[in-house]
Full PDB file with SEQRES, HELIX, SHEET, SSBOND, CRYST1, ORIGX, SCALE, CONECT and MASTER records, all heavy atoms in Angstrom:
SEQRES   1 A   46  GLU ALA ALA ARG LEU ALA ASP TYR PRO HIS GLN LEU GLY          
SEQRES   2 A   46  PRO THR VAL SER TRP LEU THR ALA ARG LEU ARG HIS GLY          
SEQRES   3 A   46  TRP ASP GLY ASP PRO PRO THR ALA GLY LEU ALA GLY ASP          
SEQRES   4 A   46  GLY ARG GLY ARG VAL VAL GLY                                  
HELIX    1 AA1 ALA A    2  ASP A    7  1                                   6    
HELIX    2 AA2 VAL A   16  HIS A   25  1                                  10    
CRYST1    1.000    1.000    1.000  90.00  90.00  90.00 P 1           1          
ORIGX1      1.000000  0.000000  0.000000        0.00000                         
ORIGX2      0.000000  1.000000  0.000000        0.00000                         
ORIGX3      0.000000  0.000000  1.000000        0.00000                         
SCALE1      1.000000  0.000000  0.000000        0.00000                         
SCALE2      0.000000  1.000000  0.000000        0.00000                         
SCALE3      0.000000  0.000000  1.000000        0.00000                         
ATOM      1  N   GLU A   1      18.825 -42.275  22.689  1.00  0.00           N  
ATOM      2  CA  GLU A   1      19.986 -42.369  21.803  1.00  0.00           C  
ATOM      3  C   GLU A   1      20.600 -40.994  21.539  1.00  0.00           C  
ATOM      4  O   GLU A   1      21.819 -40.838  21.527  1.00  0.00           O  
ATOM      5  CB  GLU A   1      19.609 -43.050  20.483  1.00  0.00           C  
ATOM      6  CG  GLU A   1      20.718 -43.091  19.458  1.00  0.00           C  
ATOM      7  CD  GLU A   1      21.946 -43.905  19.866  1.00  0.00           C  
ATOM      8  OE1 GLU A   1      21.982 -44.490  20.976  1.00  0.00           O  
ATOM      9  OE2 GLU A   1      22.902 -43.943  19.058  1.00  0.00           O  
ATOM     10  N   ALA A   2      19.779 -39.994  21.326  1.00  0.00           N  
ATOM     11  CA  ALA A   2      20.303 -38.643  21.095  1.00  0.00           C  
ATOM     12  C   ALA A   2      21.064 -38.148  22.320  1.00  0.00           C  
ATOM     13  O   ALA A   2      22.138 -37.550  22.197  1.00  0.00           O  
ATOM     14  CB  ALA A   2      19.164 -37.684  20.755  1.00  0.00           C  
ATOM     15  N   ALA A   3      20.531 -38.411  23.508  1.00  0.00           N  
ATOM     16  CA  ALA A   3      21.217 -38.011  24.741  1.00  0.00           C  
ATOM     17  C   ALA A   3      22.512 -38.798  24.920  1.00  0.00           C  
ATOM     18  O   ALA A   3      23.535 -38.244  25.332  1.00  0.00           O  
ATOM     19  CB  ALA A   3      20.301 -38.207  25.940  1.00  0.00           C  
ATOM     20  N   ARG A   4      22.477 -40.085  24.596  1.00  0.00           N  
ATOM     21  CA  ARG A   4      23.690 -40.902  24.708  1.00  0.00           C  
ATOM     22  C   ARG A   4      24.792 -40.353  23.809  1.00  0.00           C  
ATOM     23  O   ARG A   4      25.934 -40.185  24.236  1.00  0.00           O  
ATOM     24  CB  ARG A   4      23.402 -42.356  24.333  1.00  0.00           C  
ATOM     25  CG  ARG A   4      24.644 -43.268  24.450  1.00  0.00           C  
ATOM     26  CD  ARG A   4      24.408 -44.606  23.765  1.00  0.00           C  
ATOM     27  NE  ARG A   4      24.397 -44.510  22.330  1.00  0.00           N  
ATOM     28  CZ  ARG A   4      25.489 -44.490  21.557  1.00  0.00           C  
ATOM     29  NH1 ARG A   4      26.693 -44.519  22.097  1.00  0.00           N  
ATOM     30  NH2 ARG A   4      25.384 -44.419  20.248  1.00  0.00           N  
ATOM     31  N   LEU A   5      24.454 -40.066  22.577  1.00  0.00           N  
ATOM     32  CA  LEU A   5      25.450 -39.551  21.640  1.00  0.00           C  
ATOM     33  C   LEU A   5      26.030 -38.218  22.109  1.00  0.00           C  
ATOM     34  O   LEU A   5      27.218 -37.960  21.936  1.00  0.00           O  
ATOM     35  CB  LEU A   5      24.841 -39.399  20.243  1.00  0.00           C  
ATOM     36  CG  LEU A   5      24.550 -40.708  19.516  1.00  0.00           C  
ATOM     37  CD1 LEU A   5      23.743 -40.445  18.254  1.00  0.00           C  
ATOM     38  CD2 LEU A   5      25.823 -41.465  19.218  1.00  0.00           C  
ATOM     39  N   ALA A   6      25.195 -37.392  22.719  1.00  0.00           N  
ATOM     40  CA  ALA A   6      25.647 -36.076  23.176  1.00  0.00           C  
ATOM     41  C   ALA A   6      26.405 -36.130  24.498  1.00  0.00           C  
ATOM     42  O   ALA A   6      27.370 -35.394  24.692  1.00  0.00           O  
ATOM     43  CB  ALA A   6      24.446 -35.142  23.321  1.00  0.00           C  
ATOM     44  N   ASP A   7      25.988 -37.014  25.405  1.00  0.00           N  
ATOM     45  CA  ASP A   7      26.478 -36.951  26.781  1.00  0.00           C  
ATOM     46  C   ASP A   7      27.399 -38.097  27.208  1.00  0.00           C  
ATOM     47  O   ASP A   7      28.256 -37.907  28.065  1.00  0.00           O  
ATOM     48  CB  ASP A   7      25.291 -36.925  27.754  1.00  0.00           C  
ATOM     49  CG  ASP A   7      24.358 -35.764  27.496  1.00  0.00           C  
ATOM     50  OD1 ASP A   7      24.829 -34.730  26.971  1.00  0.00           O  
ATOM     51  OD2 ASP A   7      23.167 -35.884  27.821  1.00  0.00           O  
ATOM     52  N   TYR A   8      27.211 -39.277  26.659  1.00  0.00           N  
ATOM     53  CA  TYR A   8      28.030 -40.422  27.069  1.00  0.00           C  
ATOM     54  C   TYR A   8      28.147 -41.424  25.912  1.00  0.00           C  
ATOM     55  O   TYR A   8      27.635 -42.528  25.972  1.00  0.00           O  
ATOM     56  CB  TYR A   8      27.471 -41.078  28.347  1.00  0.00           C  
ATOM     57  CG  TYR A   8      25.964 -41.228  28.385  1.00  0.00           C  
ATOM     58  CD1 TYR A   8      25.359 -42.400  27.947  1.00  0.00           C  
ATOM     59  CD2 TYR A   8      25.157 -40.205  28.855  1.00  0.00           C  
ATOM     60  CE1 TYR A   8      23.984 -42.537  27.978  1.00  0.00           C  
ATOM     61  CE2 TYR A   8      23.780 -40.329  28.889  1.00  0.00           C  
ATOM     62  CZ  TYR A   8      23.200 -41.506  28.451  1.00  0.00           C  
ATOM     63  OH  TYR A   8      21.836 -41.642  28.472  1.00  0.00           O  
ATOM     64  N   PRO A   9      28.848 -41.007  24.853  1.00  0.00           N  
ATOM     65  CA  PRO A   9      28.938 -41.840  23.648  1.00  0.00           C  
ATOM     66  C   PRO A   9      29.697 -43.153  23.848  1.00  0.00           C  
ATOM     67  O   PRO A   9      29.631 -44.025  22.979  1.00  0.00           O  
ATOM     68  CB  PRO A   9      29.663 -40.930  22.645  1.00  0.00           C  
ATOM     69  CG  PRO A   9      30.381 -39.938  23.485  1.00  0.00           C  
ATOM     70  CD  PRO A   9      29.543 -39.738  24.712  1.00  0.00           C  
ATOM     71  N   HIS A  10      30.387 -43.300  24.963  1.00  0.00           N  
ATOM     72  CA  HIS A  10      31.119 -44.540  25.229  1.00  0.00           C  
ATOM     73  C   HIS A  10      30.187 -45.689  25.622  1.00  0.00           C  
ATOM     74  O   HIS A  10      30.596 -46.841  25.621  1.00  0.00           O  
ATOM     75  CB  HIS A  10      32.144 -44.309  26.341  1.00  0.00           C  
ATOM     76  CG  HIS A  10      31.526 -43.854  27.621  1.00  0.00           C  
ATOM     77  ND1 HIS A  10      31.136 -42.547  27.826  1.00  0.00           N  
ATOM     78  CD2 HIS A  10      31.220 -44.521  28.738  1.00  0.00           C  
ATOM     79  CE1 HIS A  10      30.623 -42.425  29.034  1.00  0.00           C  
ATOM     80  NE2 HIS A  10      30.654 -43.619  29.611  1.00  0.00           N  
ATOM     81  N   GLN A  11      28.939 -45.391  25.945  1.00  0.00           N  
ATOM     82  CA  GLN A  11      27.982 -46.422  26.326  1.00  0.00           C  
ATOM     83  C   GLN A  11      27.345 -47.044  25.089  1.00  0.00           C  
ATOM     84  O   GLN A  11      27.297 -46.424  24.022  1.00  0.00           O  
ATOM     85  CB  GLN A  11      26.867 -45.813  27.185  1.00  0.00           C  
ATOM     86  CG  GLN A  11      27.313 -45.380  28.556  1.00  0.00           C  
ATOM     87  CD  GLN A  11      27.613 -46.538  29.458  1.00  0.00           C  
ATOM     88  OE1 GLN A  11      28.764 -46.903  29.639  1.00  0.00           O  
ATOM     89  NE2 GLN A  11      26.606 -47.138  30.015  1.00  0.00           N  
ATOM     90  N   LEU A  12      26.809 -48.240  25.244  1.00  0.00           N  
ATOM     91  CA  LEU A  12      26.058 -48.864  24.160  1.00  0.00           C  
ATOM     92  C   LEU A  12      24.728 -48.153  23.995  1.00  0.00           C  
ATOM     93  O   LEU A  12      24.136 -47.678  24.971  1.00  0.00           O  
ATOM     94  CB  LEU A  12      25.815 -50.341  24.462  1.00  0.00           C  
ATOM     95  CG  LEU A  12      27.056 -51.235  24.483  1.00  0.00           C  
ATOM     96  CD1 LEU A  12      26.675 -52.638  24.916  1.00  0.00           C  
ATOM     97  CD2 LEU A  12      27.712 -51.255  23.119  1.00  0.00           C  
ATOM     98  N   GLY A  13      24.241 -48.117  22.786  1.00  0.00           N  
ATOM     99  CA  GLY A  13      22.975 -47.444  22.514  1.00  0.00           C  
ATOM    100  C   GLY A  13      21.773 -48.308  22.842  1.00  0.00           C  
ATOM    101  O   GLY A  13      21.845 -49.536  22.823  1.00  0.00           O  
ATOM    102  N   PRO A  14      20.648 -47.665  23.116  1.00  0.00           N  
ATOM    103  CA  PRO A  14      19.416 -48.395  23.405  1.00  0.00           C  
ATOM    104  C   PRO A  14      18.782 -48.920  22.118  1.00  0.00           C  
ATOM    105  O   PRO A  14      19.025 -48.397  21.033  1.00  0.00           O  
ATOM    106  CB  PRO A  14      18.530 -47.330  24.046  1.00  0.00           C  
ATOM    107  CG  PRO A  14      18.971 -46.057  23.380  1.00  0.00           C  
ATOM    108  CD  PRO A  14      20.459 -46.210  23.181  1.00  0.00           C  
ATOM    109  N   THR A  15      17.956 -49.935  22.272  1.00  0.00           N  
ATOM    110  CA  THR A  15      17.181 -50.464  21.151  1.00  0.00           C  
ATOM    111  C   THR A  15      15.721 -50.566  21.587  1.00  0.00           C  
ATOM    112  O   THR A  15      15.413 -50.548  22.780  1.00  0.00           O  
ATOM    113  CB  THR A  15      17.661 -51.859  20.714  1.00  0.00           C  
ATOM    114  OG1 THR A  15      17.450 -52.773  21.800  1.00  0.00           O  
ATOM    115  CG2 THR A  15      19.143 -51.854  20.322  1.00  0.00           C  
ATOM    116  N   VAL A  16      14.847 -50.711  20.624  1.00  0.00           N  
ATOM    117  CA  VAL A  16      13.431 -50.858  20.924  1.00  0.00           C  
ATOM    118  C   VAL A  16      13.195 -52.125  21.746  1.00  0.00           C  
ATOM    119  O   VAL A  16      12.445 -52.110  22.730  1.00  0.00           O  
ATOM    120  CB  VAL A  16      12.592 -50.859  19.630  1.00  0.00           C  
ATOM    121  CG1 VAL A  16      11.159 -51.305  19.887  1.00  0.00           C  
ATOM    122  CG2 VAL A  16      12.613 -49.473  18.991  1.00  0.00           C  
ATOM    123  N   SER A  17      13.836 -53.230  21.374  1.00  0.00           N  
ATOM    124  CA  SER A  17      13.624 -54.478  22.126  1.00  0.00           C  
ATOM    125  C   SER A  17      14.173 -54.367  23.550  1.00  0.00           C  
ATOM    126  O   SER A  17      13.558 -54.864  24.493  1.00  0.00           O  
ATOM    127  CB  SER A  17      14.232 -55.675  21.388  1.00  0.00           C  
ATOM    128  OG  SER A  17      15.610 -55.499  21.204  1.00  0.00           O  
ATOM    129  N   TRP A  18      15.320 -53.691  23.723  1.00  0.00           N  
ATOM    130  CA  TRP A  18      15.873 -53.497  25.072  1.00  0.00           C  
ATOM    131  C   TRP A  18      14.914 -52.684  25.936  1.00  0.00           C  
ATOM    132  O   TRP A  18      14.623 -53.054  27.074  1.00  0.00           O  
ATOM    133  CB  TRP A  18      17.236 -52.797  24.982  1.00  0.00           C  
ATOM    134  CG  TRP A  18      17.734 -52.308  26.304  1.00  0.00           C  
ATOM    135  CD1 TRP A  18      18.398 -53.042  27.239  1.00  0.00           C  
ATOM    136  CD2 TRP A  18      17.592 -50.987  26.845  1.00  0.00           C  
ATOM    137  NE1 TRP A  18      18.683 -52.251  28.339  1.00  0.00           N  
ATOM    138  CE2 TRP A  18      18.188 -50.990  28.115  1.00  0.00           C  
ATOM    139  CE3 TRP A  18      17.013 -49.814  26.377  1.00  0.00           C  
ATOM    140  CZ2 TRP A  18      18.228 -49.859  28.925  1.00  0.00           C  
ATOM    141  CZ3 TRP A  18      17.041 -48.690  27.182  1.00  0.00           C  
ATOM    142  CH2 TRP A  18      17.647 -48.718  28.445  1.00  0.00           C  
ATOM    143  N   LEU A  19      14.418 -51.563  25.402  1.00  0.00           N  
ATOM    144  CA  LEU A  19      13.538 -50.713  26.198  1.00  0.00           C  
ATOM    145  C   LEU A  19      12.215 -51.413  26.488  1.00  0.00           C  
ATOM    146  O   LEU A  19      11.696 -51.333  27.605  1.00  0.00           O  
ATOM    147  CB  LEU A  19      13.295 -49.371  25.501  1.00  0.00           C  
ATOM    148  CG  LEU A  19      12.459 -48.375  26.312  1.00  0.00           C  
ATOM    149  CD1 LEU A  19      13.111 -48.076  27.666  1.00  0.00           C  
ATOM    150  CD2 LEU A  19      12.253 -47.090  25.531  1.00  0.00           C  
ATOM    151  N   THR A  20      11.684 -52.122  25.525  1.00  0.00           N  
ATOM    152  CA  THR A  20      10.438 -52.861  25.747  1.00  0.00           C  
ATOM    153  C   THR A  20      10.610 -53.868  26.874  1.00  0.00           C  
ATOM    154  O   THR A  20       9.779 -53.946  27.790  1.00  0.00           O  
ATOM    155  CB  THR A  20       9.995 -53.565  24.452  1.00  0.00           C  
ATOM    156  OG1 THR A  20       9.779 -52.584  23.440  1.00  0.00           O  
ATOM    157  CG2 THR A  20       8.727 -54.369  24.665  1.00  0.00           C  
ATOM    158  N   ALA A  21      11.693 -54.630  26.838  1.00  0.00           N  
ATOM    159  CA  ALA A  21      11.957 -55.604  27.898  1.00  0.00           C  
ATOM    160  C   ALA A  21      12.150 -54.912  29.243  1.00  0.00           C  
ATOM    161  O   ALA A  21      11.648 -55.378  30.278  1.00  0.00           O  
ATOM    162  CB  ALA A  21      13.186 -56.445  27.550  1.00  0.00           C  
ATOM    163  N   ARG A  22      12.868 -53.797  29.259  1.00  0.00           N  
ATOM    164  CA  ARG A  22      13.100 -53.052  30.498  1.00  0.00           C  
ATOM    165  C   ARG A  22      11.790 -52.554  31.106  1.00  0.00           C  
ATOM    166  O   ARG A  22      11.576 -52.650  32.306  1.00  0.00           O  
ATOM    167  CB  ARG A  22      14.039 -51.884  30.223  1.00  0.00           C  
ATOM    168  CG  ARG A  22      14.309 -51.007  31.410  1.00  0.00           C  
ATOM    169  CD  ARG A  22      15.387 -49.984  31.088  1.00  0.00           C  
ATOM    170  NE  ARG A  22      15.474 -48.989  32.113  1.00  0.00           N  
ATOM    171  CZ  ARG A  22      15.946 -49.194  33.342  1.00  0.00           C  
ATOM    172  NH1 ARG A  22      16.370 -50.391  33.682  1.00  0.00           N  
ATOM    173  NH2 ARG A  22      15.989 -48.227  34.220  1.00  0.00           N  
ATOM    174  N   LEU A  23      10.914 -52.023  30.259  1.00  0.00           N  
ATOM    175  CA  LEU A  23       9.652 -51.489  30.760  1.00  0.00           C  
ATOM    176  C   LEU A  23       8.701 -52.585  31.228  1.00  0.00           C  
ATOM    177  O   LEU A  23       7.873 -52.357  32.103  1.00  0.00           O  
ATOM    178  CB  LEU A  23       8.980 -50.629  29.690  1.00  0.00           C  
ATOM    179  CG  LEU A  23       9.733 -49.359  29.307  1.00  0.00           C  
ATOM    180  CD1 LEU A  23       9.011 -48.632  28.181  1.00  0.00           C  
ATOM    181  CD2 LEU A  23       9.950 -48.447  30.510  1.00  0.00           C  
ATOM    182  N   ARG A  24       8.825 -53.769  30.663  1.00  0.00           N  
ATOM    183  CA  ARG A  24       7.946 -54.872  31.069  1.00  0.00           C  
ATOM    184  C   ARG A  24       8.507 -55.686  32.229  1.00  0.00           C  
ATOM    185  O   ARG A  24       7.749 -56.227  33.024  1.00  0.00           O  
ATOM    186  CB  ARG A  24       7.688 -55.784  29.876  1.00  0.00           C  
ATOM    187  CG  ARG A  24       6.793 -55.152  28.852  1.00  0.00           C  
ATOM    188  CD  ARG A  24       6.385 -56.106  27.771  1.00  0.00           C  
ATOM    189  NE  ARG A  24       5.463 -55.438  26.860  1.00  0.00           N  
ATOM    190  CZ  ARG A  24       5.411 -55.679  25.562  1.00  0.00           C  
ATOM    191  NH1 ARG A  24       6.211 -56.580  25.019  1.00  0.00           N  
ATOM    192  NH2 ARG A  24       4.548 -55.028  24.812  1.00  0.00           N  
ATOM    193  N   HIS A  25       9.832 -55.786  32.314  1.00  0.00           N  
ATOM    194  CA  HIS A  25      10.427 -56.693  33.296  1.00  0.00           C  
ATOM    195  C   HIS A  25      11.445 -56.045  34.222  1.00  0.00           C  
ATOM    196  O   HIS A  25      11.824 -56.640  35.236  1.00  0.00           O  
ATOM    197  CB  HIS A  25      11.100 -57.868  32.575  1.00  0.00           C  
ATOM    198  CG  HIS A  25      10.188 -58.548  31.616  1.00  0.00           C  
ATOM    199  ND1 HIS A  25       9.125 -59.339  32.029  1.00  0.00           N  
ATOM    200  CD2 HIS A  25      10.138 -58.540  30.265  1.00  0.00           C  
ATOM    201  CE1 HIS A  25       8.478 -59.789  30.971  1.00  0.00           C  
ATOM    202  NE2 HIS A  25       9.072 -59.323  29.880  1.00  0.00           N  
ATOM    203  N   GLY A  26      11.942 -54.864  33.876  1.00  0.00           N  
ATOM    204  CA  GLY A  26      12.954 -54.212  34.706  1.00  0.00           C  
ATOM    205  C   GLY A  26      14.282 -54.935  34.653  1.00  0.00           C  
ATOM    206  O   GLY A  26      14.480 -55.866  33.872  1.00  0.00           O  
ATOM    207  N   TRP A  27      15.181 -54.483  35.496  1.00  0.00           N  
ATOM    208  CA  TRP A  27      16.508 -55.104  35.557  1.00  0.00           C  
ATOM    209  C   TRP A  27      16.435 -56.455  36.248  1.00  0.00           C  
ATOM    210  O   TRP A  27      17.067 -57.407  35.854  1.00  0.00           O  
ATOM    211  CB  TRP A  27      17.471 -54.170  36.282  1.00  0.00           C  
ATOM    212  CG  TRP A  27      18.806 -54.757  36.524  1.00  0.00           C  
ATOM    213  CD1 TRP A  27      19.301 -55.208  37.718  1.00  0.00           C  
ATOM    214  CD2 TRP A  27      19.832 -54.988  35.566  1.00  0.00           C  
ATOM    215  NE1 TRP A  27      20.568 -55.700  37.559  1.00  0.00           N  
ATOM    216  CE2 TRP A  27      20.918 -55.570  36.225  1.00  0.00           C  
ATOM    217  CE3 TRP A  27      19.939 -54.758  34.198  1.00  0.00           C  
ATOM    218  CZ2 TRP A  27      22.098 -55.928  35.592  1.00  0.00           C  
ATOM    219  CZ3 TRP A  27      21.117 -55.112  33.565  1.00  0.00           C  
ATOM    220  CH2 TRP A  27      22.168 -55.680  34.261  1.00  0.00           C  
ATOM    221  N   ASP A  28      15.646 -56.523  37.318  1.00  0.00           N  
ATOM    222  CA  ASP A  28      15.596 -57.744  38.121  1.00  0.00           C  
ATOM    223  C   ASP A  28      14.158 -58.146  38.450  1.00  0.00           C  
ATOM    224  O   ASP A  28      13.866 -58.614  39.533  1.00  0.00           O  
ATOM    225  CB  ASP A  28      16.406 -57.563  39.392  1.00  0.00           C  
ATOM    226  CG  ASP A  28      15.907 -56.415  40.251  1.00  0.00           C  
ATOM    227  OD1 ASP A  28      14.969 -55.717  39.817  1.00  0.00           O  
ATOM    228  OD2 ASP A  28      16.435 -56.211  41.349  1.00  0.00           O  
ATOM    229  N   GLY A  29      13.279 -57.937  37.499  1.00  0.00           N  
ATOM    230  CA  GLY A  29      11.887 -58.287  37.723  1.00  0.00           C  
ATOM    231  C   GLY A  29      11.090 -57.171  38.372  1.00  0.00           C  
ATOM    232  O   GLY A  29       9.939 -57.372  38.736  1.00  0.00           O  
ATOM    233  N   ASP A  30      11.692 -56.018  38.537  1.00  0.00           N  
ATOM    234  CA  ASP A  30      11.057 -54.862  39.159  1.00  0.00           C  
ATOM    235  C   ASP A  30      11.052 -53.717  38.142  1.00  0.00           C  
ATOM    236  O   ASP A  30      11.919 -52.845  38.169  1.00  0.00           O  
ATOM    237  CB  ASP A  30      11.873 -54.464  40.394  1.00  0.00           C  
ATOM    238  CG  ASP A  30      11.021 -54.230  41.610  1.00  0.00           C  
ATOM    239  OD1 ASP A  30       9.794 -54.150  41.474  1.00  0.00           O  
ATOM    240  OD2 ASP A  30      11.597 -54.102  42.700  1.00  0.00           O  
ATOM    241  N   PRO A  31      10.111 -53.699  37.205  1.00  0.00           N  
ATOM    242  CA  PRO A  31      10.154 -52.701  36.140  1.00  0.00           C  
ATOM    243  C   PRO A  31       9.894 -51.281  36.634  1.00  0.00           C  
ATOM    244  O   PRO A  31       9.155 -51.084  37.600  1.00  0.00           O  
ATOM    245  CB  PRO A  31       9.040 -53.147  35.190  1.00  0.00           C  
ATOM    246  CG  PRO A  31       8.123 -53.963  36.013  1.00  0.00           C  
ATOM    247  CD  PRO A  31       8.964 -54.592  37.085  1.00  0.00           C  
ATOM    248  N   PRO A  32      10.502 -50.305  35.967  1.00  0.00           N  
ATOM    249  CA  PRO A  32      10.227 -48.911  36.310  1.00  0.00           C  
ATOM    250  C   PRO A  32       8.886 -48.481  35.726  1.00  0.00           C  
ATOM    251  O   PRO A  32       8.333 -49.137  34.849  1.00  0.00           O  
ATOM    252  CB  PRO A  32      11.372 -48.160  35.621  1.00  0.00           C  
ATOM    253  CG  PRO A  32      11.653 -48.992  34.402  1.00  0.00           C  
ATOM    254  CD  PRO A  32      11.446 -50.422  34.854  1.00  0.00           C  
ATOM    255  N   THR A  33       8.387 -47.378  36.230  1.00  0.00           N  
ATOM    256  CA  THR A  33       7.253 -46.707  35.611  1.00  0.00           C  
ATOM    257  C   THR A  33       7.856 -45.630  34.723  1.00  0.00           C  
ATOM    258  O   THR A  33       8.737 -44.892  35.155  1.00  0.00           O  
ATOM    259  CB  THR A  33       6.359 -46.063  36.688  1.00  0.00           C  
ATOM    260  OG1 THR A  33       5.913 -47.082  37.571  1.00  0.00           O  
ATOM    261  CG2 THR A  33       5.168 -45.375  36.059  1.00  0.00           C  
ATOM    262  N   ALA A  34       7.407 -45.557  33.483  1.00  0.00           N  
ATOM    263  CA  ALA A  34       7.999 -44.600  32.549  1.00  0.00           C  
ATOM    264  C   ALA A  34       6.946 -43.641  32.020  1.00  0.00           C  
ATOM    265  O   ALA A  34       5.790 -44.017  31.799  1.00  0.00           O  
ATOM    266  CB  ALA A  34       8.664 -45.332  31.386  1.00  0.00           C  
ATOM    267  N   GLY A  35       7.391 -42.417  31.834  1.00  0.00           N  
ATOM    268  CA  GLY A  35       6.540 -41.397  31.258  1.00  0.00           C  
ATOM    269  C   GLY A  35       7.242 -40.693  30.117  1.00  0.00           C  
ATOM    270  O   GLY A  35       8.473 -40.642  30.075  1.00  0.00           O  
ATOM    271  N   LEU A  36       6.453 -40.146  29.205  1.00  0.00           N  
ATOM    272  CA  LEU A  36       7.000 -39.445  28.048  1.00  0.00           C  
ATOM    273  C   LEU A  36       6.450 -38.028  27.987  1.00  0.00           C  
ATOM    274  O   LEU A  36       5.282 -37.795  28.267  1.00  0.00           O  
ATOM    275  CB  LEU A  36       6.614 -40.164  26.754  1.00  0.00           C  
ATOM    276  CG  LEU A  36       6.973 -41.637  26.624  1.00  0.00           C  
ATOM    277  CD1 LEU A  36       6.470 -42.180  25.296  1.00  0.00           C  
ATOM    278  CD2 LEU A  36       8.467 -41.841  26.779  1.00  0.00           C  
ATOM    279  N   ALA A  37       7.307 -37.109  27.597  1.00  0.00           N  
ATOM    280  CA  ALA A  37       6.888 -35.735  27.317  1.00  0.00           C  
ATOM    281  C   ALA A  37       6.947 -35.548  25.815  1.00  0.00           C  
ATOM    282  O   ALA A  37       7.903 -35.973  25.162  1.00  0.00           O  
ATOM    283  CB  ALA A  37       7.814 -34.739  28.013  1.00  0.00           C  
ATOM    284  N   GLY A  38       5.912 -34.921  25.260  1.00  0.00           N  
ATOM    285  CA  GLY A  38       5.860 -34.661  23.831  1.00  0.00           C  
ATOM    286  C   GLY A  38       6.007 -33.184  23.534  1.00  0.00           C  
ATOM    287  O   GLY A  38       5.915 -32.337  24.421  1.00  0.00           O  
ATOM    288  N   ASP A  39       6.234 -32.894  22.275  1.00  0.00           N  
ATOM    289  CA  ASP A  39       6.436 -31.503  21.855  1.00  0.00           C  
ATOM    290  C   ASP A  39       5.169 -30.856  21.301  1.00  0.00           C  
ATOM    291  O   ASP A  39       5.207 -29.753  20.787  1.00  0.00           O  
ATOM    292  CB  ASP A  39       7.559 -31.411  20.826  1.00  0.00           C  
ATOM    293  CG  ASP A  39       7.222 -32.103  19.508  1.00  0.00           C  
ATOM    294  OD1 ASP A  39       6.131 -32.696  19.381  1.00  0.00           O  
ATOM    295  OD2 ASP A  39       8.079 -32.046  18.604  1.00  0.00           O  
ATOM    296  N   GLY A  40       4.041 -31.535  21.390  1.00  0.00           N  
ATOM    297  CA  GLY A  40       2.802 -30.983  20.854  1.00  0.00           C  
ATOM    298  C   GLY A  40       2.578 -31.326  19.392  1.00  0.00           C  
ATOM    299  O   GLY A  40       1.516 -31.055  18.841  1.00  0.00           O  
ATOM    300  N   ARG A  41       3.599 -31.891  18.750  1.00  0.00           N  
ATOM    301  CA  ARG A  41       3.471 -32.294  17.340  1.00  0.00           C  
ATOM    302  C   ARG A  41       3.608 -33.803  17.191  1.00  0.00           C  
ATOM    303  O   ARG A  41       3.868 -34.303  16.108  1.00  0.00           O  
ATOM    304  CB  ARG A  41       4.532 -31.590  16.497  1.00  0.00           C  
ATOM    305  CG  ARG A  41       4.313 -30.078  16.439  1.00  0.00           C  
ATOM    306  CD  ARG A  41       5.327 -29.416  15.582  1.00  0.00           C  
ATOM    307  NE  ARG A  41       6.630 -29.529  16.230  1.00  0.00           N  
ATOM    308  CZ  ARG A  41       7.723 -28.888  15.836  1.00  0.00           C  
ATOM    309  NH1 ARG A  41       7.678 -28.133  14.773  1.00  0.00           N  
ATOM    310  NH2 ARG A  41       8.851 -29.023  16.488  1.00  0.00           N  
ATOM    311  N   GLY A  42       3.481 -34.505  18.323  1.00  0.00           N  
ATOM    312  CA  GLY A  42       3.533 -35.959  18.281  1.00  0.00           C  
ATOM    313  C   GLY A  42       4.912 -36.563  18.461  1.00  0.00           C  
ATOM    314  O   GLY A  42       5.057 -37.775  18.376  1.00  0.00           O  
ATOM    315  N   ARG A  43       5.912 -35.727  18.697  1.00  0.00           N  
ATOM    316  CA  ARG A  43       7.269 -36.248  18.881  1.00  0.00           C  
ATOM    317  C   ARG A  43       7.614 -36.315  20.364  1.00  0.00           C  
ATOM    318  O   ARG A  43       7.307 -35.403  21.130  1.00  0.00           O  
ATOM    319  CB  ARG A  43       8.288 -35.376  18.164  1.00  0.00           C  
ATOM    320  CG  ARG A  43       8.190 -35.486  16.657  1.00  0.00           C  
ATOM    321  CD  ARG A  43       9.240 -34.660  15.999  1.00  0.00           C  
ATOM    322  NE  ARG A  43       8.994 -33.255  16.351  1.00  0.00           N  
ATOM    323  CZ  ARG A  43       9.549 -32.230  15.722  1.00  0.00           C  
ATOM    324  NH1 ARG A  43      10.389 -32.437  14.739  1.00  0.00           N  
ATOM    325  NH2 ARG A  43       9.272 -30.998  16.076  1.00  0.00           N  
ATOM    326  N   VAL A  44       8.266 -37.405  20.750  1.00  0.00           N  
ATOM    327  CA  VAL A  44       8.729 -37.561  22.124  1.00  0.00           C  
ATOM    328  C   VAL A  44       9.990 -36.720  22.292  1.00  0.00           C  
ATOM    329  O   VAL A  44      10.905 -36.788  21.471  1.00  0.00           O  
ATOM    330  CB  VAL A  44       9.034 -39.046  22.442  1.00  0.00           C  
ATOM    331  CG1 VAL A  44       9.596 -39.189  23.848  1.00  0.00           C  
ATOM    332  CG2 VAL A  44       7.781 -39.892  22.279  1.00  0.00           C  
ATOM    333  N   VAL A  45      10.032 -35.906  23.356  1.00  0.00           N  
ATOM    334  CA  VAL A  45      11.211 -35.074  23.626  1.00  0.00           C  
ATOM    335  C   VAL A  45      11.824 -35.354  24.993  1.00  0.00           C  
ATOM    336  O   VAL A  45      12.909 -34.875  25.303  1.00  0.00           O  
ATOM    337  CB  VAL A  45      10.893 -33.566  23.498  1.00  0.00           C  
ATOM    338  CG1 VAL A  45      10.528 -33.216  22.057  1.00  0.00           C  
ATOM    339  CG2 VAL A  45       9.802 -33.146  24.463  1.00  0.00           C  
ATOM    340  N   GLY A  46      11.124 -36.145  25.822  1.00  0.00           N  
ATOM    341  CA  GLY A  46      11.656 -36.453  27.147  1.00  0.00           C  
ATOM    342  C   GLY A  46      11.141 -37.780  27.658  1.00  0.00           C  
ATOM    343  O   GLY A  46      10.034 -38.215  27.309  1.00  0.00           O  
TER     344      GLY A  46                                                      
MASTER        0    0    0    2    0    0    0    6  343    1    0    4          
END                                                                             
């Protein structure tokens, strides 16, 4: 959402339910593999 607001605010924002569904089912039944980078204090930064 922070990246969307900064880089492409014309797009719809993500939601927790959207991302959960995407990670479990993908766009067409082929889900992506996702990874997260943290800042060392428990916050996701990437």
